[in-house]
Amino acid sequence: MLKQNASVSCVFCKKEDESVSHVLLWCPFVWQVWSRLLNWWGVQWVLPGSVKGLIHWWLGFKWGKFEARVWKGIPLAIMWSIWKLRNEVIF
């Protein structure tokens, strides 16, 4: 049974309604995670409009063989970690 007063606000910023794109990309807290990671790699970026857009943009980079393998796994690891943290906060 669903609680009648259950909040749909983002658990991180409490300012926007929760959606997949907000929780994984647009939330200011999450945006800082992405930005710091990309700054560490020396990459400039513009916040994508969707998770699908992020994946397409991410896979467009060309790196050396080792870097490419690491680079391809990063967005999945970040999104999984964010979602796991979100669930820990809620539950």
PDB file of N, CA and C in Angstrom:
ATOM      1  N   MET A   1       0.832  -1.171   0.000  1.00  0.00           N
ATOM      2  CA  MET A   1       0.000   0.000   0.000  1.00  0.00           C
ATOM      3  C   MET A   1       0.885   1.245   0.000  1.00  0.00           C
ATOM      4  N   LEU A   2       0.600   2.178  -0.884  1.00  0.00           N
ATOM      5  CA  LEU A   2       1.365   3.406  -1.026  1.00  0.00           C
ATOM      6  C   LEU A   2       0.912   4.420   0.010  1.00  0.00           C
ATOM      7  N   LYS A   3       1.863   5.052   0.658  1.00  0.00           N
ATOM      8  CA  LYS A   3       1.529   6.107   1.607  1.00  0.00           C
ATOM      9  C   LYS A   3       0.912   7.278   0.849  1.00  0.00           C
ATOM     10  N   GLN A   4      -0.123   7.852   1.402  1.00  0.00           N
ATOM     11  CA  GLN A   4      -0.798   8.963   0.744  1.00  0.00           C
ATOM     12  C   GLN A   4       0.064  10.210   0.735  1.00  0.00           C
ATOM     13  N   ASN A   5       0.937  10.375   1.695  1.00  0.00           N
ATOM     14  CA  ASN A   5       1.764  11.571   1.772  1.00  0.00           C
ATOM     15  C   ASN A   5       3.210  11.308   1.354  1.00  0.00           C
ATOM     16  N   ALA A   6       3.451  10.288   0.557  1.00  0.00           N
ATOM     17  CA  ALA A   6       4.799   9.962   0.099  1.00  0.00           C
ATOM     18  C   ALA A   6       5.324  11.097  -0.778  1.00  0.00           C
ATOM     19  N   SER A   7       6.538  11.492  -0.552  1.00  0.00           N
ATOM     20  CA  SER A   7       7.150  12.587  -1.305  1.00  0.00           C
ATOM     21  C   SER A   7       7.679  12.081  -2.643  1.00  0.00           C
ATOM     22  N   VAL A   8       7.534  12.898  -3.657  1.00  0.00           N
ATOM     23  CA  VAL A   8       8.104  12.582  -4.966  1.00  0.00           C
ATOM     24  C   VAL A   8       9.279  13.504  -5.275  1.00  0.00           C
ATOM     25  N   SER A   9       9.715  14.253  -4.265  1.00  0.00           N
ATOM     26  CA  SER A   9      10.843  15.166  -4.448  1.00  0.00           C
ATOM     27  C   SER A   9      12.149  14.390  -4.519  1.00  0.00           C
ATOM     28  N   CYS A  10      13.085  14.951  -5.244  1.00  0.00           N
ATOM     29  CA  CYS A  10      14.429  14.378  -5.336  1.00  0.00           C
ATOM     30  C   CYS A  10      15.014  14.243  -3.934  1.00  0.00           C
ATOM     31  N   VAL A  11      15.571  13.093  -3.621  1.00  0.00           N
ATOM     32  CA  VAL A  11      16.128  12.865  -2.287  1.00  0.00           C
ATOM     33  C   VAL A  11      17.415  13.651  -2.056  1.00  0.00           C
ATOM     34  N   PHE A  12      18.048  14.110  -3.120  1.00  0.00           N
ATOM     35  CA  PHE A  12      19.309  14.830  -2.983  1.00  0.00           C
ATOM     36  C   PHE A  12      19.108  16.341  -2.811  1.00  0.00           C
ATOM     37  N   CYS A  13      18.316  16.951  -3.697  1.00  0.00           N
ATOM     38  CA  CYS A  13      18.167  18.410  -3.669  1.00  0.00           C
ATOM     39  C   CYS A  13      16.855  18.869  -3.046  1.00  0.00           C
ATOM     40  N   LYS A  14      15.868  18.008  -3.002  1.00  0.00           N
ATOM     41  CA  LYS A  14      14.547  18.310  -2.450  1.00  0.00           C
ATOM     42  C   LYS A  14      13.855  19.493  -3.143  1.00  0.00           C
ATOM     43  N   LYS A  15      14.296  19.856  -4.353  1.00  0.00           N
ATOM     44  CA  LYS A  15      13.744  21.011  -5.057  1.00  0.00           C
ATOM     45  C   LYS A  15      12.900  20.640  -6.261  1.00  0.00           C
ATOM     46  N   GLU A  16      13.147  19.491  -6.851  1.00  0.00           N
ATOM     47  CA  GLU A  16      12.452  19.065  -8.071  1.00  0.00           C
ATOM     48  C   GLU A  16      11.797  17.709  -7.834  1.00  0.00           C
ATOM     49  N   ASP A  17      10.765  17.431  -8.614  1.00  0.00           N
ATOM     50  CA  ASP A  17      10.190  16.099  -8.575  1.00  0.00           C
ATOM     51  C   ASP A  17      11.195  15.103  -9.141  1.00  0.00           C
ATOM     52  N   GLU A  18      11.194  13.924  -8.570  1.00  0.00           N
ATOM     53  CA  GLU A  18      12.130  12.900  -9.004  1.00  0.00           C
ATOM     54  C   GLU A  18      11.730  12.344 -10.373  1.00  0.00           C
ATOM     55  N   SER A  19      12.705  12.248 -11.249  1.00  0.00           N
ATOM     56  CA  SER A  19      12.577  11.557 -12.528  1.00  0.00           C
ATOM     57  C   SER A  19      13.924  10.895 -12.772  1.00  0.00           C
ATOM     58  N   VAL A  20      13.959   9.970 -13.706  1.00  0.00           N
ATOM     59  CA  VAL A  20      15.226   9.294 -13.994  1.00  0.00           C
ATOM     60  C   VAL A  20      16.277  10.311 -14.420  1.00  0.00           C
ATOM     61  N   SER A  21      15.922  11.195 -15.345  1.00  0.00           N
ATOM     62  CA  SER A  21      16.893  12.182 -15.828  1.00  0.00           C
ATOM     63  C   SER A  21      17.336  13.130 -14.718  1.00  0.00           C
ATOM     64  N   HIS A  22      16.398  13.533 -13.863  1.00  0.00           N
ATOM     65  CA  HIS A  22      16.789  14.443 -12.777  1.00  0.00           C
ATOM     66  C   HIS A  22      17.746  13.753 -11.814  1.00  0.00           C
ATOM     67  N   VAL A  23      17.391  12.554 -11.376  1.00  0.00           N
ATOM     68  CA  VAL A  23      18.210  11.859 -10.374  1.00  0.00           C
ATOM     69  C   VAL A  23      19.581  11.476 -10.926  1.00  0.00           C
ATOM     70  N   LEU A  24      19.648  11.091 -12.192  1.00  0.00           N
ATOM     71  CA  LEU A  24      20.925  10.617 -12.745  1.00  0.00           C
ATOM     72  C   LEU A  24      21.741  11.702 -13.447  1.00  0.00           C
ATOM     73  N   LEU A  25      21.138  12.860 -13.745  1.00  0.00           N
ATOM     74  CA  LEU A  25      21.862  13.890 -14.493  1.00  0.00           C
ATOM     75  C   LEU A  25      21.680  15.305 -13.967  1.00  0.00           C
ATOM     76  N   TRP A  26      20.442  15.751 -13.854  1.00  0.00           N
ATOM     77  CA  TRP A  26      20.159  17.167 -13.686  1.00  0.00           C
ATOM     78  C   TRP A  26      20.201  17.693 -12.266  1.00  0.00           C
ATOM     79  N   CYS A  27      20.044  16.844 -11.277  1.00  0.00           N
ATOM     80  CA  CYS A  27      20.084  17.299  -9.891  1.00  0.00           C
ATOM     81  C   CYS A  27      21.417  18.010  -9.648  1.00  0.00           C
ATOM     82  N   PRO A  28      21.397  19.176  -9.000  1.00  0.00           N
ATOM     83  CA  PRO A  28      22.663  19.893  -8.755  1.00  0.00           C
ATOM     84  C   PRO A  28      23.713  19.046  -8.040  1.00  0.00           C
ATOM     85  N   PHE A  29      23.293  18.203  -7.111  1.00  0.00           N
ATOM     86  CA  PHE A  29      24.224  17.316  -6.409  1.00  0.00           C
ATOM     87  C   PHE A  29      24.888  16.349  -7.380  1.00  0.00           C
ATOM     88  N   VAL A  30      24.081  15.733  -8.225  1.00  0.00           N
ATOM     89  CA  VAL A  30      24.565  14.746  -9.190  1.00  0.00           C
ATOM     90  C   VAL A  30      25.398  15.429 -10.275  1.00  0.00           C
ATOM     91  N   TRP A  31      24.972  16.607 -10.701  1.00  0.00           N
ATOM     92  CA  TRP A  31      25.721  17.359 -11.706  1.00  0.00           C
ATOM     93  C   TRP A  31      27.141  17.612 -11.225  1.00  0.00           C
ATOM     94  N   GLN A  32      27.315  17.886  -9.930  1.00  0.00           N
ATOM     95  CA  GLN A  32      28.658  18.090  -9.374  1.00  0.00           C
ATOM     96  C   GLN A  32      29.501  16.823  -9.474  1.00  0.00           C
ATOM     97  N   VAL A  33      28.891  15.679  -9.265  1.00  0.00           N
ATOM     98  CA  VAL A  33      29.615  14.401  -9.394  1.00  0.00           C
ATOM     99  C   VAL A  33      30.144  14.253 -10.816  1.00  0.00           C
ATOM    100  N   TRP A  34      29.246  14.419 -11.814  1.00  0.00           N
ATOM    101  CA  TRP A  34      29.641  14.298 -13.217  1.00  0.00           C
ATOM    102  C   TRP A  34      30.710  15.333 -13.569  1.00  0.00           C
ATOM    103  N   SER A  35      30.494  16.570 -13.163  1.00  0.00           N
ATOM    104  CA  SER A  35      31.428  17.642 -13.527  1.00  0.00           C
ATOM    105  C   SER A  35      32.819  17.420 -12.947  1.00  0.00           C
ATOM    106  N   ARG A  36      32.873  17.006 -11.713  1.00  0.00           N
ATOM    107  CA  ARG A  36      34.193  16.764 -11.094  1.00  0.00           C
ATOM    108  C   ARG A  36      34.918  15.606 -11.763  1.00  0.00           C
ATOM    109  N   LEU A  37      34.180  14.563 -12.078  1.00  0.00           N
ATOM    110  CA  LEU A  37      34.788  13.434 -12.767  1.00  0.00           C
ATOM    111  C   LEU A  37      35.326  13.854 -14.132  1.00  0.00           C
ATOM    112  N   LEU A  38      34.518  14.580 -14.893  1.00  0.00           N
ATOM    113  CA  LEU A  38      34.947  14.988 -16.227  1.00  0.00           C
ATOM    114  C   LEU A  38      36.079  16.005 -16.165  1.00  0.00           C
ATOM    115  N   ASN A  39      36.068  16.885 -15.189  1.00  0.00           N
ATOM    116  CA  ASN A  39      37.195  17.801 -15.013  1.00  0.00           C
ATOM    117  C   ASN A  39      38.476  17.035 -14.718  1.00  0.00           C
ATOM    118  N   TRP A  40      38.379  15.983 -13.937  1.00  0.00           N
ATOM    119  CA  TRP A  40      39.548  15.161 -13.617  1.00  0.00           C
ATOM    120  C   TRP A  40      40.129  14.545 -14.886  1.00  0.00           C
ATOM    121  N   TRP A  41      39.255  14.172 -15.835  1.00  0.00           N
ATOM    122  CA  TRP A  41      39.702  13.607 -17.115  1.00  0.00           C
ATOM    123  C   TRP A  41      40.086  14.703 -18.105  1.00  0.00           C
ATOM    124  N   GLY A  42      39.867  15.978 -17.753  1.00  0.00           N
ATOM    125  CA  GLY A  42      40.191  17.085 -18.655  1.00  0.00           C
ATOM    126  C   GLY A  42      39.187  17.253 -19.783  1.00  0.00           C
ATOM    127  N   VAL A  43      37.927  16.879 -19.533  1.00  0.00           N
ATOM    128  CA  VAL A  43      36.888  16.926 -20.559  1.00  0.00           C
ATOM    129  C   VAL A  43      35.901  18.046 -20.232  1.00  0.00           C
ATOM    130  N   GLN A  44      35.595  18.876 -21.233  1.00  0.00           N
ATOM    131  CA  GLN A  44      34.559  19.887 -21.115  1.00  0.00           C
ATOM    132  C   GLN A  44      33.244  19.266 -21.557  1.00  0.00           C
ATOM    133  N   TRP A  45      32.124  19.651 -20.938  1.00  0.00           N
ATOM    134  CA  TRP A  45      30.857  19.054 -21.324  1.00  0.00           C
ATOM    135  C   TRP A  45      29.706  20.009 -21.142  1.00  0.00           C
ATOM    136  N   VAL A  46      28.626  19.667 -21.785  1.00  0.00           N
ATOM    137  CA  VAL A  46      27.350  20.341 -21.631  1.00  0.00           C
ATOM    138  C   VAL A  46      26.385  19.277 -21.133  1.00  0.00           C
ATOM    139  N   LEU A  47      25.600  19.615 -20.136  1.00  0.00           N
ATOM    140  CA  LEU A  47      24.671  18.655 -19.563  1.00  0.00           C
ATOM    141  C   LEU A  47      23.731  18.114 -20.630  1.00  0.00           C
ATOM    142  N   PRO A  48      23.726  16.809 -20.857  1.00  0.00           N
ATOM    143  CA  PRO A  48      22.848  16.233 -21.889  1.00  0.00           C
ATOM    144  C   PRO A  48      21.383  16.276 -21.461  1.00  0.00           C
ATOM    145  N   GLY A  49      20.506  16.148 -22.429  1.00  0.00           N
ATOM    146  CA  GLY A  49      19.075  16.218 -22.172  1.00  0.00           C
ATOM    147  C   GLY A  49      18.465  14.945 -21.628  1.00  0.00           C
ATOM    148  N   SER A  50      19.189  13.844 -21.723  1.00  0.00           N
ATOM    149  CA  SER A  50      18.650  12.564 -21.271  1.00  0.00           C
ATOM    150  C   SER A  50      19.789  11.603 -20.972  1.00  0.00           C
ATOM    151  N   VAL A  51      19.459  10.509 -20.316  1.00  0.00           N
ATOM    152  CA  VAL A  51      20.453   9.463 -20.043  1.00  0.00           C
ATOM    153  C   VAL A  51      20.936   8.877 -21.365  1.00  0.00           C
ATOM    154  N   LYS A  52      20.020   8.664 -22.299  1.00  0.00           N
ATOM    155  CA  LYS A  52      20.391   8.150 -23.620  1.00  0.00           C
ATOM    156  C   LYS A  52      21.370   9.113 -24.313  1.00  0.00           C
ATOM    157  N   GLY A  53      21.098  10.410 -24.222  1.00  0.00           N
ATOM    158  CA  GLY A  53      21.999  11.407 -24.796  1.00  0.00           C
ATOM    159  C   GLY A  53      23.378  11.366 -24.162  1.00  0.00           C
ATOM    160  N   LEU A  54      23.432  11.143 -22.858  1.00  0.00           N
ATOM    161  CA  LEU A  54      24.718  11.027 -22.161  1.00  0.00           C
ATOM    162  C   LEU A  54      25.511   9.852 -22.705  1.00  0.00           C
ATOM    163  N   ILE A  55      24.851   8.706 -22.845  1.00  0.00           N
ATOM    164  CA  ILE A  55      25.543   7.506 -23.337  1.00  0.00           C
ATOM    165  C   ILE A  55      26.053   7.725 -24.754  1.00  0.00           C
ATOM    166  N   HIS A  56      25.257   8.304 -25.632  1.00  0.00           N
ATOM    167  CA  HIS A  56      25.701   8.577 -27.008  1.00  0.00           C
ATOM    168  C   HIS A  56      26.901   9.521 -27.016  1.00  0.00           C
ATOM    169  N   TRP A  57      26.831  10.584 -26.235  1.00  0.00           N
ATOM    170  CA  TRP A  57      27.938  11.531 -26.146  1.00  0.00           C
ATOM    171  C   TRP A  57      29.186  10.846 -25.597  1.00  0.00           C
ATOM    172  N   TRP A  58      28.999  10.063 -24.554  1.00  0.00           N
ATOM    173  CA  TRP A  58      30.121   9.404 -23.876  1.00  0.00           C
ATOM    174  C   TRP A  58      30.868   8.466 -24.817  1.00  0.00           C
ATOM    175  N   LEU A  59      30.125   7.713 -25.611  1.00  0.00           N
ATOM    176  CA  LEU A  59      30.753   6.728 -26.490  1.00  0.00           C
ATOM    177  C   LEU A  59      31.407   7.358 -27.712  1.00  0.00           C
ATOM    178  N   GLY A  60      31.222   8.662 -27.910  1.00  0.00           N
ATOM    179  CA  GLY A  60      31.827   9.346 -29.044  1.00  0.00           C
ATOM    180  C   GLY A  60      33.292   9.708 -28.842  1.00  0.00           C
ATOM    181  N   PHE A  61      33.812   9.537 -27.636  1.00  0.00           N
ATOM    182  CA  PHE A  61      35.208   9.887 -27.365  1.00  0.00           C
ATOM    183  C   PHE A  61      36.152   8.796 -27.859  1.00  0.00           C
ATOM    184  N   LYS A  62      37.301   9.217 -28.337  1.00  0.00           N
ATOM    185  CA  LYS A  62      38.333   8.276 -28.784  1.00  0.00           C
ATOM    186  C   LYS A  62      39.515   8.361 -27.822  1.00  0.00           C
ATOM    187  N   TRP A  63      39.857   7.247 -27.245  1.00  0.00           N
ATOM    188  CA  TRP A  63      40.968   7.153 -26.310  1.00  0.00           C
ATOM    189  C   TRP A  63      41.873   6.015 -26.748  1.00  0.00           C
ATOM    190  N   GLY A  64      42.981   5.873 -26.050  1.00  0.00           N
ATOM    191  CA  GLY A  64      43.832   4.710 -26.251  1.00  0.00           C
ATOM    192  C   GLY A  64      43.095   3.464 -25.779  1.00  0.00           C
ATOM    193  N   LYS A  65      43.633   2.292 -26.059  1.00  0.00           N
ATOM    194  CA  LYS A  65      42.947   1.027 -25.772  1.00  0.00           C
ATOM    195  C   LYS A  65      42.570   0.882 -24.291  1.00  0.00           C
ATOM    196  N   PHE A  66      43.524   1.087 -23.397  1.00  0.00           N
ATOM    197  CA  PHE A  66      43.242   0.939 -21.965  1.00  0.00           C
ATOM    198  C   PHE A  66      42.263   2.006 -21.494  1.00  0.00           C
ATOM    199  N   GLU A  67      42.517   3.261 -21.852  1.00  0.00           N
ATOM    200  CA  GLU A  67      41.641   4.357 -21.435  1.00  0.00           C
ATOM    201  C   GLU A  67      40.220   4.160 -21.941  1.00  0.00           C
ATOM    202  N   ALA A  68      40.088   3.652 -23.162  1.00  0.00           N
ATOM    203  CA  ALA A  68      38.759   3.431 -23.743  1.00  0.00           C
ATOM    204  C   ALA A  68      37.969   2.419 -22.923  1.00  0.00           C
ATOM    205  N   ARG A  69      38.619   1.364 -22.466  1.00  0.00           N
ATOM    206  CA  ARG A  69      37.909   0.363 -21.657  1.00  0.00           C
ATOM    207  C   ARG A  69      37.443   0.962 -20.334  1.00  0.00           C
ATOM    208  N   VAL A  70      38.301   1.733 -19.701  1.00  0.00           N
ATOM    209  CA  VAL A  70      37.926   2.386 -18.446  1.00  0.00           C
ATOM    210  C   VAL A  70      36.817   3.402 -18.708  1.00  0.00           C
ATOM    211  N   TRP A  71      36.994   4.242 -19.739  1.00  0.00           N
ATOM    212  CA  TRP A  71      36.046   5.300 -20.074  1.00  0.00           C
ATOM    213  C   TRP A  71      34.637   4.750 -20.315  1.00  0.00           C
ATOM    214  N   LYS A  72      34.536   3.628 -21.025  1.00  0.00           N
ATOM    215  CA  LYS A  72      33.216   3.070 -21.342  1.00  0.00           C
ATOM    216  C   LYS A  72      32.469   2.595 -20.103  1.00  0.00           C
ATOM    217  N   GLY A  73      33.164   2.190 -19.074  1.00  0.00           N
ATOM    218  CA  GLY A  73      32.506   1.707 -17.861  1.00  0.00           C
ATOM    219  C   GLY A  73      32.107   2.795 -16.879  1.00  0.00           C
ATOM    220  N   ILE A  74      32.666   3.975 -17.032  1.00  0.00           N
ATOM    221  CA  ILE A  74      32.429   5.042 -16.063  1.00  0.00           C
ATOM    222  C   ILE A  74      30.965   5.450 -15.955  1.00  0.00           C
ATOM    223  N   PRO A  75      30.259   5.732 -17.055  1.00  0.00           N
ATOM    224  CA  PRO A  75      28.879   6.207 -16.863  1.00  0.00           C
ATOM    225  C   PRO A  75      27.983   5.181 -16.165  1.00  0.00           C
ATOM    226  N   LEU A  76      28.181   3.910 -16.461  1.00  0.00           N
ATOM    227  CA  LEU A  76      27.378   2.881 -15.803  1.00  0.00           C
ATOM    228  C   LEU A  76      27.704   2.800 -14.313  1.00  0.00           C
ATOM    229  N   ALA A  77      28.978   2.902 -13.968  1.00  0.00           N
ATOM    230  CA  ALA A  77      29.375   2.869 -12.559  1.00  0.00           C
ATOM    231  C   ALA A  77      28.840   4.079 -11.806  1.00  0.00           C
ATOM    232  N   ILE A  78      28.900   5.252 -12.425  1.00  0.00           N
ATOM    233  CA  ILE A  78      28.399   6.470 -11.784  1.00  0.00           C
ATOM    234  C   ILE A  78      26.888   6.371 -11.579  1.00  0.00           C
ATOM    235  N   MET A  79      26.154   6.004 -12.622  1.00  0.00           N
ATOM    236  CA  MET A  79      24.696   5.930 -12.506  1.00  0.00           C
ATOM    237  C   MET A  79      24.272   4.865 -11.497  1.00  0.00           C
ATOM    238  N   TRP A  80      24.954   3.729 -11.481  1.00  0.00           N
ATOM    239  CA  TRP A  80      24.641   2.679 -10.514  1.00  0.00           C
ATOM    240  C   TRP A  80      24.896   3.177  -9.096  1.00  0.00           C
ATOM    241  N   SER A  81      26.010   3.878  -8.890  1.00  0.00           N
ATOM    242  CA  SER A  81      26.339   4.401  -7.560  1.00  0.00           C
ATOM    243  C   SER A  81      25.327   5.444  -7.100  1.00  0.00           C
ATOM    244  N   ILE A  82      24.926   6.326  -8.014  1.00  0.00           N
ATOM    245  CA  ILE A  82      23.929   7.344  -7.677  1.00  0.00           C
ATOM    246  C   ILE A  82      22.610   6.677  -7.319  1.00  0.00           C
ATOM    247  N   TRP A  83      22.172   5.713  -8.125  1.00  0.00           N
ATOM    248  CA  TRP A  83      20.901   5.034  -7.865  1.00  0.00           C
ATOM    249  C   TRP A  83      20.955   4.270  -6.546  1.00  0.00           C
ATOM    250  N   LYS A  84      22.088   3.644  -6.268  1.00  0.00           N
ATOM    251  CA  LYS A  84      22.248   2.918  -5.010  1.00  0.00           C
ATOM    252  C   LYS A  84      22.163   3.876  -3.822  1.00  0.00           C
ATOM    253  N   LEU A  85      22.821   5.022  -3.908  1.00  0.00           N
ATOM    254  CA  LEU A  85      22.764   6.020  -2.855  1.00  0.00           C
ATOM    255  C   LEU A  85      21.344   6.527  -2.674  1.00  0.00           C
ATOM    256  N   ARG A  86      20.660   6.790  -3.774  1.00  0.00           N
ATOM    257  CA  ARG A  86      19.264   7.229  -3.716  1.00  0.00           C
ATOM    258  C   ARG A  86      18.414   6.228  -2.949  1.00  0.00           C
ATOM    259  N   ASN A  87      18.582   4.952  -3.262  1.00  0.00           N
ATOM    260  CA  ASN A  87      17.804   3.914  -2.574  1.00  0.00           C
ATOM    261  C   ASN A  87      18.175   3.800  -1.107  1.00  0.00           C
ATOM    262  N   GLU A  88      19.440   3.989  -0.773  1.00  0.00           N
ATOM    263  CA  GLU A  88      19.845   3.961   0.646  1.00  0.00           C
ATOM    264  C   GLU A  88      19.200   5.094   1.420  1.00  0.00           C
ATOM    265  N   VAL A  89      19.092   6.259   0.814  1.00  0.00           N
ATOM    266  CA  VAL A  89      18.455   7.404   1.463  1.00  0.00           C
ATOM    267  C   VAL A  89      16.964   7.129   1.677  1.00  0.00           C
ATOM    268  N   ILE A  90      16.315   6.571   0.683  1.00  0.00           N
ATOM    269  CA  ILE A  90      14.864   6.326   0.760  1.00  0.00           C
ATOM    270  C   ILE A  90      14.531   5.179   1.707  1.00  0.00           C
ATOM    271  N   PHE A  91      15.274   4.091   1.594  1.00  0.00           N
ATOM    272  CA  PHE A  91      14.929   2.895   2.348  1.00  0.00           C
ATOM    273  C   PHE A  91      15.826   2.745   3.564  1.00  0.00           C
TER     274      PHE A  91
END
